[in-house]
């Protein structure tokens, strides 16, 4: 699926230099960057949602060390 993005002159120059230096396409590196960043974003939003659900549930939290001690970790 095609997608248009605007890069700064510096970003374009860096991407072009990387592609030329490695013999890979600029598209290859843009796709790698998006994939890596999406994974981070998905994890961050999942964690944020988990915290919101926990807080909304009214359950009490406790220090991690206390939980680990109870689990024998």
N, C-alpha and C. Protein backbone atom coordinates (compact mmCIF):
# COMPACT_ATOMS: atom_id res chain seq x y z
N UNK A 1 0.85 -1.17 0.00
CA UNK A 1 0.00 0.00 0.00
C UNK A 1 0.90 1.24 0.00
N UNK A 2 0.77 2.09 -0.96
CA UNK A 2 1.59 3.29 -1.03
C UNK A 2 1.27 4.27 0.10
N UNK A 3 2.30 4.99 0.51
CA UNK A 3 2.16 5.98 1.57
C UNK A 3 3.13 7.10 1.28
N UNK A 4 2.69 8.33 1.39
CA UNK A 4 3.57 9.47 1.18
C UNK A 4 3.95 10.07 2.53
N UNK A 5 5.22 10.40 2.68
CA UNK A 5 5.68 11.07 3.89
C UNK A 5 6.59 12.22 3.49
N UNK A 6 6.69 13.19 4.36
CA UNK A 6 7.59 14.31 4.13
C UNK A 6 8.75 14.20 5.11
N UNK A 7 9.94 14.26 4.57
CA UNK A 7 11.15 14.21 5.39
C UNK A 7 11.82 15.57 5.35
N UNK A 8 12.56 15.86 6.40
CA UNK A 8 13.38 17.07 6.36
C UNK A 8 14.54 16.80 5.40
N UNK A 9 15.22 17.85 4.99
CA UNK A 9 16.37 17.67 4.11
C UNK A 9 17.42 16.80 4.77
N UNK A 10 17.63 16.98 6.06
CA UNK A 10 18.63 16.19 6.78
C UNK A 10 18.22 14.72 6.82
N UNK A 11 16.95 14.44 7.11
CA UNK A 11 16.49 13.05 7.14
C UNK A 11 16.65 12.39 5.78
N UNK A 12 16.28 13.11 4.74
CA UNK A 12 16.41 12.57 3.38
C UNK A 12 17.87 12.29 3.06
N UNK A 13 18.76 13.20 3.41
CA UNK A 13 20.19 13.01 3.14
C UNK A 13 20.73 11.81 3.90
N UNK A 14 20.36 11.68 5.16
CA UNK A 14 20.83 10.56 5.97
C UNK A 14 20.31 9.24 5.44
N UNK A 15 19.03 9.21 5.07
CA UNK A 15 18.43 8.00 4.53
C UNK A 15 19.08 7.62 3.21
N UNK A 16 19.30 8.59 2.35
CA UNK A 16 19.94 8.33 1.06
C UNK A 16 21.36 7.81 1.26
N UNK A 17 22.10 8.44 2.16
CA UNK A 17 23.48 8.01 2.42
C UNK A 17 23.51 6.57 2.95
N UNK A 18 22.59 6.25 3.86
CA UNK A 18 22.54 4.90 4.40
C UNK A 18 22.23 3.89 3.31
N UNK A 19 21.25 4.21 2.48
CA UNK A 19 20.87 3.30 1.40
C UNK A 19 22.03 3.09 0.43
N UNK A 20 22.71 4.16 0.07
CA UNK A 20 23.84 4.04 -0.86
C UNK A 20 24.98 3.25 -0.23
N UNK A 21 25.24 3.50 1.04
CA UNK A 21 26.36 2.84 1.72
C UNK A 21 26.12 1.34 1.86
N UNK A 22 24.87 0.94 2.01
CA UNK A 22 24.58 -0.46 2.28
C UNK A 22 24.04 -1.22 1.07
N UNK A 23 23.69 -0.50 0.03
CA UNK A 23 23.14 -1.15 -1.14
C UNK A 23 21.69 -1.58 -0.98
N UNK A 24 21.04 -1.07 0.03
CA UNK A 24 19.62 -1.35 0.26
C UNK A 24 18.81 -0.14 -0.19
N UNK A 25 17.52 -0.34 -0.35
CA UNK A 25 16.67 0.78 -0.76
C UNK A 25 16.27 1.63 0.43
N UNK A 26 15.91 2.86 0.13
CA UNK A 26 15.39 3.74 1.19
C UNK A 26 14.09 3.15 1.74
N UNK A 27 13.29 2.57 0.88
CA UNK A 27 12.05 1.94 1.32
C UNK A 27 12.31 0.85 2.34
N UNK A 28 13.36 0.07 2.13
CA UNK A 28 13.72 -0.99 3.08
C UNK A 28 13.91 -0.41 4.47
N UNK A 29 14.66 0.68 4.58
CA UNK A 29 14.95 1.27 5.89
C UNK A 29 13.74 1.97 6.49
N UNK A 30 12.93 2.59 5.67
CA UNK A 30 11.71 3.22 6.18
C UNK A 30 10.78 2.15 6.75
N UNK A 31 10.63 1.04 6.04
CA UNK A 31 9.78 -0.04 6.53
C UNK A 31 10.32 -0.64 7.83
N UNK A 32 11.64 -0.80 7.92
CA UNK A 32 12.24 -1.32 9.16
C UNK A 32 11.98 -0.38 10.32
N UNK A 33 12.14 0.91 10.08
CA UNK A 33 11.93 1.89 11.15
C UNK A 33 10.48 1.90 11.61
N UNK A 34 9.56 1.85 10.68
CA UNK A 34 8.14 1.84 11.03
C UNK A 34 7.80 0.58 11.82
N UNK A 35 8.28 -0.56 11.37
CA UNK A 35 7.99 -1.81 12.07
C UNK A 35 8.50 -1.77 13.51
N UNK A 36 9.73 -1.32 13.69
CA UNK A 36 10.30 -1.26 15.04
C UNK A 36 9.55 -0.26 15.91
N UNK A 37 9.21 0.88 15.36
CA UNK A 37 8.53 1.90 16.15
C UNK A 37 7.11 1.48 16.47
N UNK A 38 6.43 0.83 15.54
CA UNK A 38 5.07 0.36 15.80
C UNK A 38 5.05 -0.63 16.95
N UNK A 39 6.03 -1.52 17.00
CA UNK A 39 6.09 -2.48 18.11
C UNK A 39 6.20 -1.75 19.44
N UNK A 40 7.06 -0.74 19.49
CA UNK A 40 7.22 0.04 20.73
C UNK A 40 5.92 0.76 21.09
N UNK A 41 5.28 1.39 20.10
CA UNK A 41 4.03 2.10 20.36
C UNK A 41 2.93 1.16 20.82
N UNK A 42 2.80 0.03 20.16
CA UNK A 42 1.77 -0.94 20.54
C UNK A 42 1.97 -1.40 21.98
N UNK A 43 3.21 -1.66 22.35
CA UNK A 43 3.50 -2.09 23.72
C UNK A 43 3.20 -0.98 24.72
N UNK A 44 3.57 0.24 24.38
CA UNK A 44 3.32 1.38 25.27
C UNK A 44 1.83 1.58 25.47
N UNK A 45 1.04 1.56 24.40
CA UNK A 45 -0.40 1.75 24.54
C UNK A 45 -1.06 0.58 25.26
N UNK A 46 -0.57 -0.63 25.06
CA UNK A 46 -1.09 -1.78 25.79
C UNK A 46 -0.85 -1.58 27.29
N UNK A 47 0.37 -1.17 27.66
CA UNK A 47 0.70 -0.96 29.08
C UNK A 47 -0.15 0.16 29.67
N UNK A 48 -0.31 1.26 28.93
CA UNK A 48 -1.14 2.37 29.42
C UNK A 48 -2.57 1.91 29.67
N UNK A 49 -3.12 1.13 28.74
CA UNK A 49 -4.48 0.64 28.89
C UNK A 49 -4.58 -0.31 30.08
N UNK A 50 -3.59 -1.16 30.28
CA UNK A 50 -3.60 -2.08 31.42
C UNK A 50 -3.61 -1.30 32.74
N UNK A 51 -2.83 -0.23 32.80
CA UNK A 51 -2.79 0.59 34.02
C UNK A 51 -4.15 1.26 34.23
N UNK A 52 -4.75 1.81 33.17
CA UNK A 52 -6.06 2.46 33.30
C UNK A 52 -7.11 1.45 33.77
N UNK A 53 -7.09 0.25 33.22
CA UNK A 53 -8.06 -0.77 33.63
C UNK A 53 -7.86 -1.15 35.10
N UNK A 54 -6.60 -1.27 35.50
CA UNK A 54 -6.30 -1.62 36.90
C UNK A 54 -6.81 -0.53 37.83
N UNK A 55 -6.51 0.72 37.49
CA UNK A 55 -6.93 1.83 38.34
C UNK A 55 -8.45 1.93 38.40
N UNK A 56 -9.13 1.68 37.29
CA UNK A 56 -10.59 1.75 37.25
C UNK A 56 -11.24 0.60 38.01
N UNK A 57 -10.53 -0.49 38.19
CA UNK A 57 -11.10 -1.66 38.87
C UNK A 57 -11.22 -1.47 40.37
N UNK A 58 -10.49 -0.49 40.90
CA UNK A 58 -10.53 -0.26 42.34
C UNK A 58 -9.63 -1.19 43.14
N UNK A 59 -8.93 -2.07 42.47
CA UNK A 59 -8.02 -2.99 43.15
C UNK A 59 -6.84 -2.20 43.71
N UNK A 60 -6.31 -2.68 44.82
CA UNK A 60 -5.16 -2.01 45.43
C UNK A 60 -3.89 -2.57 44.82
N UNK A 61 -2.94 -1.71 44.65
CA UNK A 61 -1.63 -2.14 44.15
C UNK A 61 -0.70 -2.35 45.33
N UNK A 62 0.43 -2.95 45.04
CA UNK A 62 1.45 -3.17 46.07
C UNK A 62 2.82 -3.10 45.41
N UNK A 63 3.83 -2.86 46.19
CA UNK A 63 5.18 -2.78 45.61
C UNK A 63 5.57 -4.10 44.93
N UNK A 64 6.29 -4.01 43.85
CA UNK A 64 6.71 -5.19 43.10
C UNK A 64 7.51 -6.15 43.99
N UNK A 65 8.35 -5.61 44.84
CA UNK A 65 9.17 -6.46 45.70
C UNK A 65 8.31 -7.34 46.60
N UNK A 66 7.20 -6.78 47.08
CA UNK A 66 6.29 -7.55 47.92
C UNK A 66 5.68 -8.70 47.12
N UNK A 67 5.28 -8.44 45.90
CA UNK A 67 4.74 -9.49 45.04
C UNK A 67 5.79 -10.56 44.76
N UNK A 68 7.00 -10.13 44.43
CA UNK A 68 8.06 -11.09 44.15
C UNK A 68 8.37 -11.96 45.37
N UNK A 69 8.35 -11.34 46.55
CA UNK A 69 8.58 -12.11 47.78
C UNK A 69 7.49 -13.16 47.96
N UNK A 70 6.24 -12.78 47.68
CA UNK A 70 5.13 -13.72 47.82
C UNK A 70 5.24 -14.85 46.82
N UNK A 71 5.77 -14.56 45.63
CA UNK A 71 5.92 -15.57 44.60
C UNK A 71 7.21 -16.37 44.74
N UNK A 72 8.08 -15.94 45.65
CA UNK A 72 9.35 -16.63 45.85
C UNK A 72 10.36 -16.37 44.76
N UNK A 73 10.26 -15.22 44.15
CA UNK A 73 11.18 -14.86 43.06
C UNK A 73 12.43 -14.21 43.63
